Protein backbone atom coordinates (compact mmCIF):
# COMPACT_ATOMS: atom_id res chain seq x y z
CA MET A 1 0.00 0.00 0.00
CA GLU A 2 1.59 3.42 -1.01
CA LEU A 3 1.50 6.27 1.46
CA LYS A 4 0.54 9.71 0.08
CA LYS A 5 1.01 13.06 1.82
CA ASN A 6 -1.83 15.44 2.31
CA PRO A 7 -1.00 18.74 0.54
CA LYS A 8 -2.43 20.67 3.52
CA ALA A 9 -0.07 18.88 5.90
CA ASP A 10 3.06 19.89 3.89
CA VAL A 11 5.08 22.11 6.33
CA GLY A 12 7.82 23.28 3.90
CA LYS A 13 5.37 24.38 1.25
CA ASN A 14 5.63 28.21 1.86
CA SER A 15 8.90 28.25 3.92
CA SER A 16 10.69 30.78 1.59
CA LEU A 17 7.83 33.20 1.86
CA TYR A 18 7.79 32.98 5.62
CA PHE A 19 11.56 33.52 5.68
CA VAL A 20 11.31 36.72 3.66
CA ILE A 21 8.47 38.03 5.83
CA GLY A 22 10.43 37.30 9.05
CA LEU A 23 13.59 38.91 7.67
CA ALA A 24 11.65 42.05 6.72
CA ALA A 25 10.06 42.15 10.19
CA VAL A 26 13.47 41.85 11.89
CA LEU A 27 14.96 44.59 9.69
CA GLY A 28 12.02 46.83 10.51
CA LEU A 29 12.53 46.30 14.23
CA VAL A 30 16.27 46.99 13.98
CA TYR A 31 15.69 50.17 11.97
CA GLY A 32 13.04 51.35 14.42
CA ALA A 33 15.35 50.70 17.35
CA MET A 34 18.17 52.68 15.71
CA GLU A 35 15.97 55.63 14.86
CA TRP A 36 14.31 55.78 18.27
CA LYS A 37 15.01 59.10 20.13
CA LYS A 38 14.19 60.00 23.68
CA TYR A 39 14.04 63.61 25.01
CA ASP A 40 14.30 64.75 28.63
CA LYS A 41 11.52 66.70 30.07
CA SER A 42 12.33 70.40 29.73
CA ASN A 43 12.23 72.52 32.89
CA GLU A 44 11.07 76.03 32.52
CA TYR A 45 13.66 78.45 33.94
CA ASP A 46 13.05 82.11 34.70
CA VAL A 47 15.95 83.68 32.86
CA SER A 48 14.69 87.21 33.27
CA MET A 49 17.02 89.44 35.33
CA ASN A 50 15.54 91.71 37.91
CA VAL A 51 17.63 94.81 37.32
CA GLU A 52 15.80 96.84 39.90
CA ASP A 53 16.91 94.50 42.72
CA GLN A 54 20.56 94.96 41.78
CA LEU A 55 20.29 98.69 41.61
CA ASP A 56 18.78 98.92 45.08
CA GLU A 57 22.16 98.92 46.88
CA GLU A 58 22.76 100.79 50.05
CA VAL A 59 25.34 103.49 49.39
CA PRO A 60 27.24 104.54 52.55
CA MET A 61 26.69 108.11 53.43
CA THR A 62 29.91 110.17 53.38
CA GLU A 63 30.16 113.05 55.72
CA GLN A 64 31.40 116.17 54.06
CA ILE A 65 34.07 117.92 56.08
CA LYS A 66 33.25 121.54 56.25
CA THR A 67 36.27 123.80 56.63
CA PRO A 68 35.61 126.99 58.54
CA PRO A 69 35.73 130.06 56.35
CA PRO A 70 38.79 132.31 56.68
CA PRO A 71 38.43 135.20 59.10
CA PRO A 72 37.36 138.42 57.47
CA PRO A 73 40.09 141.00 56.88
CA PRO A 74 40.27 143.80 59.41
CA ALA A 75 38.16 146.74 58.47
CA ALA A 76 40.01 149.84 57.40
CA PRO A 77 39.57 152.89 59.58
CA GLU A 78 37.08 155.25 58.15
CA VAL A 79 38.98 158.39 59.04
CA ILE A 80 42.76 158.65 59.21
CA GLU A 81 43.88 161.29 61.65
CA VAL A 82 47.21 162.95 60.94
CA VAL A 83 49.03 163.77 64.17
CA GLU A 84 51.41 166.67 63.99
CA ASP A 85 54.91 166.06 65.38
CA GLU A 86 54.88 168.66 68.11
CA GLU A 87 56.58 166.68 70.87
CA GLU A 88 60.21 167.45 71.49
CA VAL A 89 62.54 164.49 71.75
CA GLU A 90 65.62 164.83 73.94
CA GLU A 91 68.82 164.06 72.08
CA THR A 92 71.23 161.63 73.70
CA VAL A 93 74.71 163.04 74.03
CA ILE A 94 77.49 160.46 73.59
CA GLU A 95 80.56 161.43 75.54
CA SER A 96 84.00 160.80 74.13
CA THR A 97 86.02 158.01 75.74
CA GLU A 98 89.38 159.50 74.80
CA THR A 99 91.58 160.49 77.68
CA SER A 100 93.30 163.81 77.92
CA GLN A 101 96.86 164.42 79.01
CA GLU A 102 95.67 165.84 82.31
CA GLU A 103 94.02 162.62 83.43
CA GLU A 104 96.13 160.18 85.37
CA VAL A 105 96.67 156.76 83.80
CA MET A 106 96.70 153.82 86.20
CA GLU A 107 99.64 151.48 85.92
CA VAL A 108 98.86 147.84 85.14
CA GLU A 109 100.92 145.22 86.90
CA GLU A 110 102.80 142.75 84.74
CA VAL A 111 100.89 139.53 84.09
CA GLU A 112 102.89 136.39 84.59
CA VAL A 113 102.24 133.71 81.97
CA GLU A 114 102.75 130.21 83.31
CA GLU A 115 104.50 127.87 80.94
CA VAL A 116 102.63 124.65 80.33
CA GLU A 117 104.85 121.64 80.03
CA GLU A 118 104.10 119.69 76.89
CA ASP A 119 104.01 115.93 77.14
CA ILE A 120 106.45 115.31 74.30
CA SER A 121 107.59 111.84 73.26
CA VAL A 122 110.80 111.59 71.17
CA PRO A 123 112.01 108.26 69.69
CA PHE A 124 115.31 106.88 70.96
CA ALA A 125 116.90 106.99 67.48
CA VAL A 126 116.45 110.76 66.97
CA ILE A 127 116.62 112.25 70.48
CA GLU A 128 119.40 114.74 71.16
CA ASP A 129 120.42 113.43 74.59
CA VAL A 130 119.62 109.73 74.99
CA PRO A 131 118.62 108.30 78.37
CA VAL A 132 121.67 107.23 80.39
CA PHE A 133 121.69 103.66 81.64
CA PRO A 134 123.32 103.31 85.10
CA GLY A 135 127.01 102.69 84.44
CA CYS A 136 127.11 104.65 81.13
CA GLU A 137 127.61 108.11 82.64
CA GLY A 138 131.26 108.35 81.51
CA ALA A 139 130.84 106.57 78.15
CA SER A 140 131.70 108.53 75.03
CA ASN A 141 128.91 106.85 73.01
CA LYS A 142 126.02 106.74 75.45
CA LYS A 143 123.60 105.38 72.84
CA GLN A 144 125.74 102.30 72.15
CA CYS A 145 126.44 101.87 75.87
CA PHE A 146 122.67 101.97 76.53
CA GLN A 147 122.03 99.18 74.06
CA ASP A 148 124.91 97.06 75.38
CA MET A 149 123.68 97.44 78.97
CA MET A 150 120.17 96.46 77.88
CA GLN A 151 121.47 93.21 76.34
CA LYS A 152 123.51 92.52 79.48
CA HIS A 153 120.46 93.09 81.68
CA ILE A 154 118.35 90.67 79.59
CA ARG A 155 120.99 87.91 79.68
CA LYS A 156 121.42 88.36 83.43
CA ASN A 157 117.71 88.12 84.27
CA PHE A 158 116.64 85.72 81.50
CA ARG A 159 114.79 82.60 82.63
CA TYR A 160 113.01 80.27 80.24
CA PRO A 161 109.49 79.42 81.53
CA GLU A 162 109.23 75.72 82.43
CA ILE A 163 105.72 75.37 81.04
CA ALA A 164 106.89 76.82 77.71
CA GLN A 165 109.75 74.28 77.64
CA GLU A 166 107.37 71.39 78.29
CA MET A 167 105.05 72.60 75.50
CA GLY A 168 107.99 73.17 73.15
CA VAL A 169 107.07 76.85 72.63
CA GLN A 170 109.74 79.20 71.35
CA GLY A 171 109.92 82.44 69.38
CA ARG A 172 110.59 86.15 69.64
CA VAL A 173 108.75 88.61 71.85
CA ASN A 174 108.80 92.24 70.67
CA VAL A 175 108.83 94.60 73.67
CA ILE A 176 108.10 98.34 73.65
CA PHE A 177 108.43 100.48 76.78
CA VAL A 178 108.76 104.18 77.60
CA ILE A 179 111.50 105.82 79.67
CA GLN A 180 109.51 108.49 81.50
CA LYS A 181 110.63 112.07 82.19
CA ASP A 182 111.73 111.03 85.69
CA GLY A 183 113.79 108.08 84.37
CA SER A 184 111.33 105.34 85.42
CA ILE A 185 110.05 102.59 83.12
CA GLY A 186 106.37 102.59 82.11
CA ASN A 187 103.79 101.79 79.44
CA ILE A 188 105.23 98.33 78.73
CA ARG A 189 103.68 96.56 75.73
CA MET A 190 104.65 93.33 74.06
CA ARG A 191 103.62 90.80 71.45
CA GLY A 192 104.84 87.21 71.18
CA PRO A 193 103.85 83.67 70.19
CA ASP A 194 102.83 82.62 73.71
CA LYS A 195 101.44 84.24 76.85
CA ASN A 196 104.07 82.58 79.04
CA LEU A 197 106.89 84.06 76.97
CA GLU A 198 105.23 87.49 77.09
CA LYS A 199 104.91 87.20 80.87
CA GLU A 200 108.64 86.42 81.21
CA ALA A 201 109.56 89.37 78.96
CA MET A 202 107.41 91.64 81.14
CA ARG A 203 109.23 90.45 84.26
CA ILE A 204 112.65 91.19 82.69
CA ILE A 205 111.70 94.74 81.62
CA GLN A 206 110.12 95.54 84.98
CA LYS A 207 113.49 94.79 86.66
CA LEU A 208 115.22 97.60 84.71
CA PRO A 209 116.83 100.21 86.99
CA LYS A 210 115.85 103.88 87.04
CA MET A 211 117.76 105.86 84.41
CA THR A 212 118.74 109.43 83.67
CA PRO A 213 115.89 110.69 81.44
CA GLY A 214 116.45 111.67 77.84
CA LYS A 215 116.44 115.34 76.89
CA GLN A 216 115.34 117.27 73.82
CA ARG A 217 116.55 120.91 73.65
CA GLY A 218 117.60 120.73 77.26
CA ARG A 219 114.19 119.55 78.52
CA ALA A 220 113.36 116.06 79.83
CA VAL A 221 111.01 114.15 77.54
CA LYS A 222 109.53 110.67 77.25
CA VAL A 223 111.59 108.25 75.18
CA PRO A 224 109.98 105.07 73.74
CA PHE A 225 112.36 102.16 73.21
CA SER A 226 111.79 98.78 71.55
CA ILE A 227 113.83 95.61 71.82
CA PRO A 228 113.21 91.96 70.84
CA ILE A 229 113.72 89.12 73.32
CA THR A 230 114.29 85.74 71.66
CA PHE A 231 113.28 82.50 73.38
CA LYS A 232 114.96 79.49 71.76
CA LEU A 233 115.04 75.91 72.97
CA GLN A 234 118.44 74.21 73.00
């Protein structure tokens, strides 16, 4: 027995038509989705500007400083009276201060002018009469004798400070002192590499004897003198 299909039961009869219809429907949906636009709800804003509110600003009141008006000029006198110069003025008589030969002239006593001694300081190298060291009174060259006696005095009283020896300090101390107008020694100044050496140089100079003061033009003057004292370790 042969089986026959019912033409109404044939499923694939109009399949191509259905495919075209479905494809067109899908394309329509896609196109509609792409062209779909959505707008936000618009809010109504009051963009008008109230100019009157801005102009109503409070302006601070400024106080005007009133300057007082200048005083009025003095009023001119209405009538000017002319006063006649009738009063007599006594003339002042100036007497002459010149003396006549008949007047006695008083004698004026002589005024004594006291001489003020000037504090003059003359260097040892240029002074006329150098200070005389004790023992140089009879020397022909007192300047050379002074220097020789100074060296002798330094060698006699020289003593190397022990603390300077332990520290290995040595060097030269430059000493400046002044032979005063009375022959004493004063105003001692010195500079050296160490305080202990300066202290020893001060002790040596302070032991100098009193001398005959130096003279310039026959008058005693101060005489500054400088000498170096060398401290050297053996």
